[in-house]
């Protein structure tokens, strides 16, 4: 069962409650700082054949602070030409880590499933009308406008990730005690994958 937390409910135009979290137990998805990003360049890692090294824009002003380097183990699953210019969902508050000499500053959200005896991986697609740098959240768990999630510990990420999946409509959801919470923009548009239903998201 989730730990006790305080919240205040507000209502959007559709009268659907959105819960703004002010004290969050460490396994709720409001701790994830998820942003819409756009890959501006991608190449194979010079020292790791299974890794891509991407530069991803996660803000609108074009500064280095909004341009992240991300290493991802997608070489076997996503062709290089499908990485270039792609809009993706980026987890930005994991601790940076060195991957064969290159510092990876964030992580791309992707789904994974076994299909016909082989592992298939698909990147999570940002909602079509979303803007680069826009924040995504799992409804109804969203922080207040001026609250930034803290640096995410790896063990906390594992707890949250265990409840991330896609549903039968290929939408990304967090399983909150049996209830699916959709990953979406403030306007309500949902993040999806191309074809993997009931897959693990990580």
N, C-alpha and C. Protein backbone atom coordinates (compact mmCIF):
# COMPACT_ATOMS: atom_id res chain seq x y z
N UNK A 1 0.85 -1.18 0.00
CA UNK A 1 0.00 0.00 0.00
C UNK A 1 0.89 1.24 0.00
N UNK A 2 0.44 2.31 -0.64
CA UNK A 2 1.25 3.51 -0.71
C UNK A 2 1.32 4.20 0.64
N UNK A 3 2.45 4.85 0.88
CA UNK A 3 2.59 5.64 2.10
C UNK A 3 1.65 6.84 2.04
N UNK A 4 1.41 7.43 3.20
CA UNK A 4 0.53 8.59 3.24
C UNK A 4 1.22 9.78 2.59
N UNK A 5 0.45 10.55 1.84
CA UNK A 5 0.99 11.77 1.28
C UNK A 5 -0.09 12.83 1.29
N UNK A 6 0.32 14.09 1.26
CA UNK A 6 -0.64 15.18 1.23
C UNK A 6 -0.82 15.65 -0.19
N UNK A 7 -2.01 16.11 -0.51
CA UNK A 7 -2.27 16.56 -1.88
C UNK A 7 -3.38 17.58 -1.87
N UNK A 8 -3.52 18.27 -3.02
CA UNK A 8 -4.66 19.15 -3.19
C UNK A 8 -5.21 18.91 -4.59
N UNK A 9 -6.49 18.78 -4.72
CA UNK A 9 -7.09 18.46 -6.02
C UNK A 9 -7.54 19.73 -6.72
N UNK A 10 -7.27 19.80 -8.03
CA UNK A 10 -7.80 20.87 -8.85
C UNK A 10 -8.54 20.22 -10.00
N UNK A 11 -9.25 21.01 -10.80
CA UNK A 11 -10.01 20.45 -11.89
C UNK A 11 -9.66 21.16 -13.19
N UNK A 12 -9.52 20.35 -14.25
CA UNK A 12 -9.25 20.95 -15.55
C UNK A 12 -10.58 21.22 -16.25
N UNK A 13 -10.51 21.60 -17.52
CA UNK A 13 -11.72 22.00 -18.24
C UNK A 13 -12.74 20.86 -18.34
N UNK A 14 -12.26 19.62 -18.32
CA UNK A 14 -13.16 18.48 -18.44
C UNK A 14 -13.67 18.01 -17.10
N UNK A 15 -13.36 18.78 -16.03
CA UNK A 15 -13.80 18.45 -14.67
C UNK A 15 -13.18 17.17 -14.12
N UNK A 16 -12.06 16.75 -14.70
CA UNK A 16 -11.37 15.57 -14.21
C UNK A 16 -10.38 15.97 -13.14
N UNK A 17 -10.37 15.34 -11.97
CA UNK A 17 -9.46 15.75 -10.92
C UNK A 17 -8.01 15.44 -11.26
N UNK A 18 -7.14 16.38 -10.97
CA UNK A 18 -5.70 16.20 -11.11
C UNK A 18 -5.09 16.45 -9.74
N UNK A 19 -4.31 15.51 -9.24
CA UNK A 19 -3.79 15.61 -7.88
C UNK A 19 -2.38 16.18 -7.91
N UNK A 20 -2.19 17.35 -7.28
CA UNK A 20 -0.86 17.93 -7.18
C UNK A 20 -0.21 17.43 -5.90
N UNK A 21 0.92 16.75 -6.07
CA UNK A 21 1.57 16.08 -4.94
C UNK A 21 2.57 17.02 -4.28
N UNK A 22 2.48 17.16 -2.96
CA UNK A 22 3.44 18.01 -2.26
C UNK A 22 4.37 17.20 -1.37
N UNK A 23 4.00 15.98 -1.04
CA UNK A 23 4.89 15.09 -0.28
C UNK A 23 4.68 13.69 -0.84
N UNK A 24 5.70 13.20 -1.56
CA UNK A 24 5.49 12.02 -2.39
C UNK A 24 6.23 10.81 -1.84
N UNK A 25 5.52 9.68 -1.63
CA UNK A 25 6.23 8.46 -1.28
C UNK A 25 7.14 8.06 -2.44
N UNK A 26 8.21 7.33 -2.12
CA UNK A 26 9.28 7.18 -3.10
C UNK A 26 8.99 6.20 -4.22
N UNK A 27 7.80 5.64 -4.30
CA UNK A 27 7.54 4.76 -5.43
C UNK A 27 6.35 5.22 -6.27
N UNK A 28 6.04 6.51 -6.24
CA UNK A 28 5.00 7.06 -7.09
C UNK A 28 5.62 7.75 -8.31
N UNK A 29 4.92 7.73 -9.46
CA UNK A 29 5.52 8.22 -10.70
C UNK A 29 5.69 9.73 -10.77
N UNK A 30 5.15 10.47 -9.82
CA UNK A 30 5.38 11.91 -9.81
C UNK A 30 6.83 12.26 -9.53
N UNK A 31 7.63 11.27 -9.13
CA UNK A 31 9.06 11.49 -8.94
C UNK A 31 9.83 11.45 -10.26
N UNK A 32 9.17 11.06 -11.34
CA UNK A 32 9.84 10.99 -12.64
C UNK A 32 9.76 12.35 -13.34
N UNK A 33 10.90 12.87 -13.73
CA UNK A 33 10.93 14.12 -14.51
C UNK A 33 11.00 13.74 -15.99
N UNK A 34 9.84 13.58 -16.60
CA UNK A 34 9.73 13.13 -17.99
C UNK A 34 9.46 14.32 -18.89
N UNK A 35 10.24 14.42 -19.96
CA UNK A 35 10.09 15.55 -20.87
C UNK A 35 10.04 15.07 -22.32
N UNK A 36 9.38 15.84 -23.15
CA UNK A 36 9.41 15.60 -24.58
C UNK A 36 10.76 16.08 -25.11
N UNK A 37 11.45 15.21 -25.82
CA UNK A 37 12.73 15.57 -26.39
C UNK A 37 12.76 15.31 -27.88
N UNK A 38 13.71 15.95 -28.56
CA UNK A 38 13.91 15.68 -29.98
C UNK A 38 15.38 15.36 -30.22
N UNK A 39 15.60 14.22 -30.87
CA UNK A 39 16.98 13.81 -31.16
C UNK A 39 17.52 14.68 -32.29
N UNK A 40 18.57 15.42 -32.00
CA UNK A 40 19.15 16.29 -33.03
C UNK A 40 20.33 15.63 -33.73
N UNK A 41 20.93 14.62 -33.10
CA UNK A 41 21.97 13.83 -33.75
C UNK A 41 22.07 12.48 -33.05
N UNK A 42 22.47 11.47 -33.80
CA UNK A 42 22.63 10.13 -33.22
C UNK A 42 23.68 9.38 -34.02
N UNK A 43 24.56 8.72 -33.30
CA UNK A 43 25.59 7.90 -33.94
C UNK A 43 25.91 6.72 -33.06
N UNK A 44 26.58 5.74 -33.62
CA UNK A 44 26.98 4.58 -32.83
C UNK A 44 28.12 4.95 -31.90
N UNK A 45 28.08 4.40 -30.71
CA UNK A 45 29.15 4.62 -29.73
C UNK A 45 30.46 4.09 -30.30
N UNK A 46 31.53 4.87 -30.22
CA UNK A 46 32.80 4.43 -30.82
C UNK A 46 33.40 3.20 -30.15
N UNK A 47 33.03 2.93 -28.90
CA UNK A 47 33.64 1.82 -28.17
C UNK A 47 32.63 0.79 -27.65
N UNK A 48 31.39 0.84 -28.14
CA UNK A 48 30.38 -0.13 -27.69
C UNK A 48 29.41 -0.37 -28.84
N UNK A 49 29.48 -1.54 -29.44
CA UNK A 49 28.73 -1.80 -30.67
C UNK A 49 27.21 -1.83 -30.49
N UNK A 50 26.73 -2.01 -29.26
CA UNK A 50 25.29 -2.09 -29.04
C UNK A 50 24.67 -0.77 -28.59
N UNK A 51 25.50 0.28 -28.48
CA UNK A 51 25.02 1.56 -27.96
C UNK A 51 24.96 2.64 -29.03
N UNK A 52 23.91 3.45 -28.94
CA UNK A 52 23.86 4.72 -29.66
C UNK A 52 24.25 5.84 -28.70
N UNK A 53 24.80 6.90 -29.26
CA UNK A 53 25.03 8.13 -28.52
C UNK A 53 24.22 9.23 -29.21
N UNK A 54 23.24 9.77 -28.50
CA UNK A 54 22.35 10.78 -29.07
C UNK A 54 22.52 12.11 -28.35
N UNK A 55 22.30 13.19 -29.09
CA UNK A 55 22.17 14.52 -28.50
C UNK A 55 20.69 14.88 -28.62
N UNK A 56 20.07 15.18 -27.47
CA UNK A 56 18.63 15.35 -27.44
C UNK A 56 18.26 16.71 -26.87
N UNK A 57 17.46 17.44 -27.61
CA UNK A 57 16.98 18.75 -27.17
C UNK A 57 15.78 18.55 -26.25
N UNK A 58 15.84 19.13 -25.04
CA UNK A 58 14.72 19.00 -24.10
C UNK A 58 14.21 20.37 -23.64
N UNK A 59 14.52 21.39 -24.41
CA UNK A 59 14.06 22.75 -24.11
C UNK A 59 13.96 23.54 -25.40
N UNK A 60 13.45 24.75 -25.31
CA UNK A 60 13.17 25.53 -26.52
C UNK A 60 14.20 26.60 -26.84
N UNK A 61 15.14 26.85 -25.91
CA UNK A 61 16.05 27.98 -26.15
C UNK A 61 17.35 27.58 -26.83
N UNK A 62 17.56 26.28 -27.06
CA UNK A 62 18.73 25.83 -27.79
C UNK A 62 20.04 25.91 -27.05
N UNK A 63 20.01 26.16 -25.74
CA UNK A 63 21.24 26.25 -24.96
C UNK A 63 21.77 24.86 -24.63
N UNK A 64 23.03 24.81 -24.23
CA UNK A 64 23.66 23.54 -23.86
C UNK A 64 22.95 22.89 -22.67
N UNK A 65 22.37 23.71 -21.79
CA UNK A 65 21.68 23.17 -20.62
C UNK A 65 20.47 22.34 -21.03
N UNK A 66 19.92 22.63 -22.20
CA UNK A 66 18.75 21.90 -22.69
C UNK A 66 19.10 20.88 -23.77
N UNK A 67 20.38 20.58 -23.90
CA UNK A 67 20.85 19.59 -24.88
C UNK A 67 21.58 18.50 -24.12
N UNK A 68 20.97 17.32 -24.07
CA UNK A 68 21.51 16.22 -23.26
C UNK A 68 22.14 15.15 -24.13
N UNK A 69 23.21 14.56 -23.58
CA UNK A 69 23.83 13.40 -24.21
C UNK A 69 23.23 12.14 -23.58
N UNK A 70 22.75 11.24 -24.43
CA UNK A 70 22.10 10.03 -23.93
C UNK A 70 22.65 8.81 -24.66
N UNK A 71 23.14 7.84 -23.90
CA UNK A 71 23.56 6.55 -24.45
C UNK A 71 22.41 5.57 -24.29
N UNK A 72 22.10 4.84 -25.35
CA UNK A 72 20.98 3.89 -25.29
C UNK A 72 21.34 2.60 -26.01
N UNK A 73 20.94 1.48 -25.44
CA UNK A 73 21.25 0.17 -26.02
C UNK A 73 20.24 -0.26 -27.06
N UNK A 74 20.08 0.56 -28.09
CA UNK A 74 19.02 0.33 -29.08
C UNK A 74 19.52 -0.09 -30.45
N UNK A 75 20.81 -0.27 -30.60
CA UNK A 75 21.36 -0.55 -31.92
C UNK A 75 20.73 -1.79 -32.55
N UNK A 76 20.47 -2.82 -31.74
CA UNK A 76 19.91 -4.06 -32.27
C UNK A 76 18.41 -3.97 -32.56
N UNK A 77 17.77 -2.88 -32.10
CA UNK A 77 16.31 -2.83 -32.16
C UNK A 77 15.74 -1.69 -33.01
N UNK A 78 16.46 -0.58 -33.09
CA UNK A 78 15.95 0.59 -33.83
C UNK A 78 17.01 1.02 -34.84
N UNK A 79 16.70 1.01 -36.13
CA UNK A 79 17.68 1.45 -37.14
C UNK A 79 18.11 2.89 -36.90
N UNK A 80 19.34 3.18 -37.26
CA UNK A 80 19.90 4.51 -37.02
C UNK A 80 19.07 5.61 -37.69
N UNK A 81 18.59 5.37 -38.89
CA UNK A 81 17.84 6.41 -39.59
C UNK A 81 16.51 6.71 -38.91
N UNK A 82 15.99 5.77 -38.10
CA UNK A 82 14.75 6.02 -37.37
C UNK A 82 14.99 6.77 -36.05
N UNK A 83 16.24 6.93 -35.69
CA UNK A 83 16.58 7.71 -34.50
C UNK A 83 16.71 9.19 -34.84
N UNK A 84 17.20 9.49 -36.01
CA UNK A 84 17.50 10.87 -36.37
C UNK A 84 16.24 11.74 -36.41
N UNK A 85 16.27 12.83 -35.66
CA UNK A 85 15.17 13.79 -35.67
C UNK A 85 13.92 13.34 -34.94
N UNK A 86 13.97 12.19 -34.32
CA UNK A 86 12.77 11.62 -33.70
C UNK A 86 12.41 12.35 -32.41
N UNK A 87 11.10 12.47 -32.17
CA UNK A 87 10.62 13.02 -30.91
C UNK A 87 10.37 11.87 -29.95
N UNK A 88 10.90 12.00 -28.74
CA UNK A 88 10.95 10.89 -27.79
C UNK A 88 10.53 11.39 -26.41
N UNK A 89 10.39 10.44 -25.47
CA UNK A 89 10.14 10.77 -24.08
C UNK A 89 11.42 10.48 -23.29
N UNK A 90 11.89 11.49 -22.56
CA UNK A 90 13.20 11.41 -21.90
C UNK A 90 13.03 11.52 -20.38
N UNK A 91 13.62 10.58 -19.67
CA UNK A 91 13.68 10.65 -18.21
C UNK A 91 14.94 11.41 -17.85
N UNK A 92 14.77 12.61 -17.26
CA UNK A 92 15.90 13.54 -17.13
C UNK A 92 16.50 13.62 -15.73
N UNK A 93 15.92 12.96 -14.73
CA UNK A 93 16.46 13.15 -13.38
C UNK A 93 17.11 11.91 -12.78
N UNK A 94 17.54 10.99 -13.63
CA UNK A 94 18.41 9.92 -13.16
C UNK A 94 19.83 10.48 -12.97
N UNK A 95 20.59 9.84 -12.11
CA UNK A 95 21.98 10.25 -11.93
C UNK A 95 22.76 9.94 -13.20
N UNK A 96 23.51 10.91 -13.74
CA UNK A 96 24.32 10.63 -14.94
C UNK A 96 25.29 9.47 -14.70
N UNK A 97 25.55 8.71 -15.75
CA UNK A 97 26.46 7.58 -15.61
C UNK A 97 27.34 7.48 -16.84
N UNK A 98 28.57 7.00 -16.64
CA UNK A 98 29.50 6.83 -17.75
C UNK A 98 29.25 5.48 -18.40
N UNK A 99 29.11 5.48 -19.73
CA UNK A 99 28.91 4.26 -20.48
C UNK A 99 30.02 4.13 -21.50
N UNK A 100 30.99 3.32 -21.15
CA UNK A 100 32.18 3.12 -21.98
C UNK A 100 32.84 4.46 -22.33
N UNK A 101 33.00 5.30 -21.29
CA UNK A 101 33.75 6.54 -21.44
C UNK A 101 32.93 7.76 -21.80
N UNK A 102 31.65 7.60 -22.11
CA UNK A 102 30.80 8.74 -22.45
C UNK A 102 29.73 8.91 -21.39
N UNK A 103 29.59 10.13 -20.85
CA UNK A 103 28.60 10.38 -19.81
C UNK A 103 27.21 10.47 -20.41
N UNK A 104 26.32 9.60 -19.93
CA UNK A 104 24.92 9.62 -20.34
C UNK A 104 24.13 10.38 -19.29
N UNK A 105 23.42 11.43 -19.73
CA UNK A 105 22.77 12.36 -18.80
C UNK A 105 21.28 12.09 -18.58
N UNK A 106 20.72 11.17 -19.33
CA UNK A 106 19.29 10.89 -19.22
C UNK A 106 19.02 9.52 -19.82
N UNK A 107 17.74 9.18 -19.94
CA UNK A 107 17.36 7.88 -20.47
C UNK A 107 16.14 8.02 -21.37
N UNK A 108 16.14 7.27 -22.47
CA UNK A 108 14.99 7.23 -23.35
C UNK A 108 14.00 6.19 -22.85
N UNK A 109 12.72 6.56 -22.80
CA UNK A 109 11.70 5.61 -22.39
C UNK A 109 11.35 4.71 -23.58
N UNK A 110 11.31 3.39 -23.34
CA UNK A 110 11.03 2.43 -24.40
C UNK A 110 10.23 1.26 -23.84
N UNK A 111 9.54 0.56 -24.72
CA UNK A 111 8.80 -0.64 -24.32
C UNK A 111 9.51 -1.87 -24.86
N UNK A 112 9.31 -2.98 -24.16
CA UNK A 112 10.00 -4.22 -24.52
C UNK A 112 9.07 -5.41 -24.33
N UNK A 113 9.07 -6.31 -25.30
CA UNK A 113 8.24 -7.50 -25.21
C UNK A 113 8.86 -8.61 -26.07
N UNK A 114 8.51 -9.85 -25.75
CA UNK A 114 8.94 -10.97 -26.57
C UNK A 114 7.87 -11.23 -27.62
N UNK A 115 8.28 -11.22 -28.88
CA UNK A 115 7.37 -11.43 -29.99
C UNK A 115 7.92 -12.54 -30.86
N UNK A 116 7.16 -13.63 -30.98
CA UNK A 116 7.57 -14.78 -31.81
C UNK A 116 8.96 -15.27 -31.43
N UNK A 117 9.22 -15.30 -30.12
CA UNK A 117 10.48 -15.85 -29.63
C UNK A 117 11.65 -14.89 -29.64
N UNK A 118 11.43 -13.66 -30.07
CA UNK A 118 12.51 -12.67 -30.11
C UNK A 118 12.11 -11.43 -29.32
N UNK A 119 13.10 -10.75 -28.74
CA UNK A 119 12.84 -9.52 -28.01
C UNK A 119 12.64 -8.37 -29.01
N UNK A 120 11.55 -7.62 -28.82
CA UNK A 120 11.28 -6.44 -29.65
C UNK A 120 11.22 -5.23 -28.75
N UNK A 121 11.83 -4.14 -29.19
CA UNK A 121 11.86 -2.90 -28.42
C UNK A 121 11.35 -1.76 -29.29
N UNK A 122 10.48 -0.93 -28.71
CA UNK A 122 9.98 0.25 -29.40
C UNK A 122 10.12 1.47 -28.50
N UNK A 123 10.60 2.56 -29.05
CA UNK A 123 10.66 3.80 -28.29
C UNK A 123 9.26 4.32 -28.00
N UNK A 124 9.10 4.93 -26.84
CA UNK A 124 7.85 5.61 -26.53
C UNK A 124 7.79 6.90 -27.35
N UNK A 125 6.69 7.08 -28.07
CA UNK A 125 6.53 8.27 -28.89
C UNK A 125 5.88 9.39 -28.09
N UNK A 126 6.43 10.58 -28.20
CA UNK A 126 5.82 11.74 -27.56
C UNK A 126 4.47 12.02 -28.20
N UNK A 127 3.49 12.49 -27.43
CA UNK A 127 2.19 12.85 -28.02
C UNK A 127 2.38 13.80 -29.20
N UNK A 128 1.56 13.64 -30.23
CA UNK A 128 1.77 14.34 -31.50
C UNK A 128 1.79 15.86 -31.38
N UNK A 129 0.91 16.42 -30.57
CA UNK A 129 0.82 17.88 -30.49
C UNK A 129 1.69 18.46 -29.38
N UNK A 130 2.46 17.62 -28.69
CA UNK A 130 3.30 18.11 -27.59
C UNK A 130 4.48 18.91 -28.13
N UNK A 131 5.04 19.75 -27.27
CA UNK A 131 6.16 20.60 -27.64
C UNK A 131 7.45 20.07 -27.03
N UNK A 132 8.55 20.28 -27.71
CA UNK A 132 9.85 19.90 -27.16
C UNK A 132 10.06 20.64 -25.84
N UNK A 133 10.43 19.89 -24.81
CA UNK A 133 10.63 20.46 -23.49
C UNK A 133 9.41 20.37 -22.60
N UNK A 134 8.27 20.00 -23.16
CA UNK A 134 7.04 19.89 -22.37
C UNK A 134 7.14 18.72 -21.40
N UNK A 135 6.62 18.91 -20.20
CA UNK A 135 6.62 17.85 -19.19
C UNK A 135 5.44 16.91 -19.40
N UNK A 136 5.67 15.63 -19.08
CA UNK A 136 4.62 14.62 -19.12
C UNK A 136 4.43 14.08 -17.71
N UNK A 137 3.23 13.60 -17.41
CA UNK A 137 2.99 13.05 -16.09
C UNK A 137 1.97 11.92 -16.18
N UNK A 138 1.97 11.08 -15.15
CA UNK A 138 1.00 10.00 -15.06
C UNK A 138 -0.21 10.52 -14.27
N UNK A 139 -1.30 10.69 -14.96
CA UNK A 139 -2.52 11.20 -14.33
C UNK A 139 -3.04 10.19 -13.31
N UNK A 140 -3.36 10.61 -12.07
CA UNK A 140 -3.50 11.98 -11.58
C UNK A 140 -2.29 12.49 -10.81
N UNK A 141 -1.13 11.87 -10.95
CA UNK A 141 0.03 12.25 -10.14
C UNK A 141 0.88 13.29 -10.86
N UNK A 142 0.81 14.52 -10.40
CA UNK A 142 1.58 15.59 -11.01
C UNK A 142 2.02 16.55 -9.92
N UNK A 143 3.26 17.02 -10.03
CA UNK A 143 3.74 17.99 -9.04
C UNK A 143 3.24 19.39 -9.37
N UNK A 144 3.31 20.27 -8.38
CA UNK A 144 2.96 21.67 -8.60
C UNK A 144 3.89 22.30 -9.62
N UNK A 145 3.47 23.41 -10.20
CA UNK A 145 4.21 24.03 -11.30
C UNK A 145 5.64 24.40 -10.93
N UNK A 146 5.87 24.78 -9.69
CA UNK A 146 7.20 25.23 -9.28
C UNK A 146 8.00 24.15 -8.54
N UNK A 147 7.52 22.93 -8.57
CA UNK A 147 8.19 21.84 -7.89
C UNK A 147 8.90 20.95 -8.90
N UNK A 148 10.20 20.78 -8.74
CA UNK A 148 10.98 19.90 -9.60
C UNK A 148 11.29 18.60 -8.87
N UNK A 149 11.09 17.46 -9.53
CA UNK A 149 11.42 16.19 -8.88
C UNK A 149 12.90 16.15 -8.50
N UNK A 150 13.23 15.52 -7.38
CA UNK A 150 14.63 15.40 -6.98
C UNK A 150 15.37 14.40 -7.88
N UNK A 151 16.68 14.34 -7.70
CA UNK A 151 17.46 13.32 -8.41
C UNK A 151 16.92 11.95 -8.05
N UNK A 152 16.68 11.13 -9.04
CA UNK A 152 16.02 9.84 -8.84
C UNK A 152 17.06 8.77 -8.51
N UNK A 153 16.90 8.14 -7.36
CA UNK A 153 17.79 7.05 -6.99
C UNK A 153 17.45 5.81 -7.82
N UNK A 154 18.48 5.01 -8.12
CA UNK A 154 18.27 3.85 -8.98
C UNK A 154 17.28 2.85 -8.38
N UNK A 155 17.31 2.67 -7.07
CA UNK A 155 16.39 1.73 -6.44
C UNK A 155 14.94 2.24 -6.50
N UNK A 156 14.78 3.56 -6.39
CA UNK A 156 13.44 4.14 -6.50
C UNK A 156 12.93 3.97 -7.93
N UNK A 157 13.79 4.21 -8.91
CA UNK A 157 13.43 4.00 -10.31
C UNK A 157 12.98 2.56 -10.54
N UNK A 158 13.67 1.60 -9.96
CA UNK A 158 13.30 0.19 -10.12
C UNK A 158 11.90 -0.08 -9.56
N UNK A 159 11.56 0.54 -8.42
CA UNK A 159 10.24 0.36 -7.83
C UNK A 159 9.15 0.92 -8.74
N UNK A 160 9.41 2.11 -9.29
CA UNK A 160 8.43 2.73 -10.17
C UNK A 160 8.33 1.96 -11.48
N UNK A 161 9.48 1.63 -12.04
CA UNK A 161 9.51 0.97 -13.35
C UNK A 161 8.78 -0.36 -13.35
N UNK A 162 8.77 -1.05 -12.21
CA UNK A 162 8.09 -2.34 -12.12
C UNK A 162 6.59 -2.23 -12.42
N UNK A 163 6.05 -1.01 -12.35
CA UNK A 163 4.63 -0.80 -12.59
C UNK A 163 4.34 -0.06 -13.90
N UNK A 164 5.35 0.09 -14.74
CA UNK A 164 5.16 0.75 -16.03
C UNK A 164 4.94 -0.29 -17.12
N UNK A 165 3.98 -0.04 -17.99
CA UNK A 165 3.67 -0.99 -19.06
C UNK A 165 2.90 -0.26 -20.17
N UNK A 166 2.57 -1.00 -21.21
CA UNK A 166 1.61 -0.50 -22.20
C UNK A 166 0.33 -1.31 -22.07
N UNK A 167 -0.79 -0.67 -22.37
CA UNK A 167 -2.08 -1.38 -22.33
C UNK A 167 -2.40 -1.95 -23.71
N UNK A 168 -3.61 -2.43 -23.90
CA UNK A 168 -3.99 -3.05 -25.16
C UNK A 168 -4.18 -2.04 -26.30
N UNK A 169 -4.14 -0.76 -25.95
CA UNK A 169 -4.21 0.29 -26.97
C UNK A 169 -2.84 0.90 -27.24
N UNK A 170 -1.78 0.25 -26.74
CA UNK A 170 -0.39 0.70 -26.92
C UNK A 170 -0.11 2.02 -26.21
N UNK A 171 -0.91 2.35 -25.20
CA UNK A 171 -0.70 3.56 -24.41
C UNK A 171 0.17 3.23 -23.20
N UNK A 172 1.03 4.17 -22.82
CA UNK A 172 1.92 3.98 -21.68
C UNK A 172 1.17 4.28 -20.39
N UNK A 173 1.22 3.35 -19.43
CA UNK A 173 0.49 3.52 -18.19
C UNK A 173 1.34 3.12 -16.99
N UNK A 174 0.99 3.66 -15.84
CA UNK A 174 1.53 3.24 -14.55
C UNK A 174 0.42 2.50 -13.82
N UNK A 175 0.71 1.26 -13.38
CA UNK A 175 -0.29 0.48 -12.67
C UNK A 175 -0.30 0.88 -11.20
N UNK A 176 -1.34 1.61 -10.80
CA UNK A 176 -1.46 2.10 -9.45
C UNK A 176 -2.47 1.25 -8.69
N UNK A 177 -1.99 0.16 -8.09
CA UNK A 177 -2.87 -0.71 -7.31
C UNK A 177 -4.03 -1.23 -8.15
N UNK A 178 -3.72 -1.63 -9.40
CA UNK A 178 -4.73 -2.19 -10.29
C UNK A 178 -5.40 -1.19 -11.20
N UNK A 179 -5.14 0.10 -11.00
CA UNK A 179 -5.73 1.14 -11.85
C UNK A 179 -4.66 1.70 -12.78
N UNK A 180 -4.98 1.77 -14.08
CA UNK A 180 -4.04 2.30 -15.06
C UNK A 180 -4.06 3.83 -15.06
N UNK A 181 -2.88 4.43 -14.85
CA UNK A 181 -2.72 5.89 -14.90
C UNK A 181 -1.95 6.22 -16.17
N UNK A 182 -2.54 7.00 -17.05
CA UNK A 182 -1.97 7.26 -18.37
C UNK A 182 -0.86 8.31 -18.32
N UNK A 183 0.16 8.12 -19.17
CA UNK A 183 1.21 9.12 -19.34
C UNK A 183 0.75 10.12 -20.37
N UNK A 184 0.64 11.39 -19.97
CA UNK A 184 0.07 12.38 -20.88
C UNK A 184 0.60 13.78 -20.65
N UNK A 185 0.22 14.66 -21.56
CA UNK A 185 0.53 16.07 -21.43
C UNK A 185 -0.53 16.74 -20.58
N UNK A 186 -0.30 18.01 -20.24
CA UNK A 186 -1.30 18.75 -19.46
C UNK A 186 -2.61 18.85 -20.24
N UNK A 187 -2.54 18.88 -21.57
CA UNK A 187 -3.75 18.96 -22.39
C UNK A 187 -4.49 17.63 -22.48
N UNK A 188 -3.86 16.55 -21.99
CA UNK A 188 -4.53 15.25 -21.95
C UNK A 188 -4.17 14.29 -23.05
N UNK A 189 -3.22 14.64 -23.92
CA UNK A 189 -2.83 13.73 -25.00
C UNK A 189 -1.87 12.67 -24.47
N UNK A 190 -2.10 11.42 -24.85
CA UNK A 190 -1.40 10.29 -24.27
C UNK A 190 -0.15 9.88 -25.07
N UNK A 191 0.87 9.42 -24.34
CA UNK A 191 2.07 8.86 -24.96
C UNK A 191 1.81 7.41 -25.33
N UNK A 192 2.36 6.97 -26.47
CA UNK A 192 2.08 5.64 -26.98
C UNK A 192 3.35 5.00 -27.54
N UNK A 193 3.23 3.72 -27.89
CA UNK A 193 4.25 3.03 -28.68
C UNK A 193 3.59 2.56 -29.97
N UNK A 194 4.40 2.10 -30.91
CA UNK A 194 3.86 1.78 -32.24
C UNK A 194 2.94 0.57 -32.25
N UNK A 195 3.36 -0.53 -31.56
CA UNK A 195 2.58 -1.76 -31.73
C UNK A 195 2.58 -2.70 -30.54
N UNK A 196 3.45 -2.51 -29.56
CA UNK A 196 3.60 -3.46 -28.47
C UNK A 196 2.51 -3.27 -27.42
N UNK A 197 1.68 -4.28 -27.26
CA UNK A 197 0.59 -4.27 -26.28
C UNK A 197 0.99 -5.11 -25.06
N UNK A 198 0.66 -4.63 -23.88
CA UNK A 198 0.99 -5.38 -22.68
C UNK A 198 2.48 -5.57 -22.45
N UNK A 199 3.26 -4.61 -22.91
CA UNK A 199 4.72 -4.72 -22.81
C UNK A 199 5.25 -4.01 -21.57
N UNK A 200 6.48 -4.33 -21.24
CA UNK A 200 7.18 -3.66 -20.14
C UNK A 200 7.74 -2.34 -20.66
N UNK A 201 7.63 -1.29 -19.86
CA UNK A 201 8.21 0.01 -20.22
C UNK A 201 9.36 0.28 -19.28
N UNK A 202 10.49 0.68 -19.84
CA UNK A 202 11.67 0.99 -19.03
C UNK A 202 12.53 2.02 -19.74
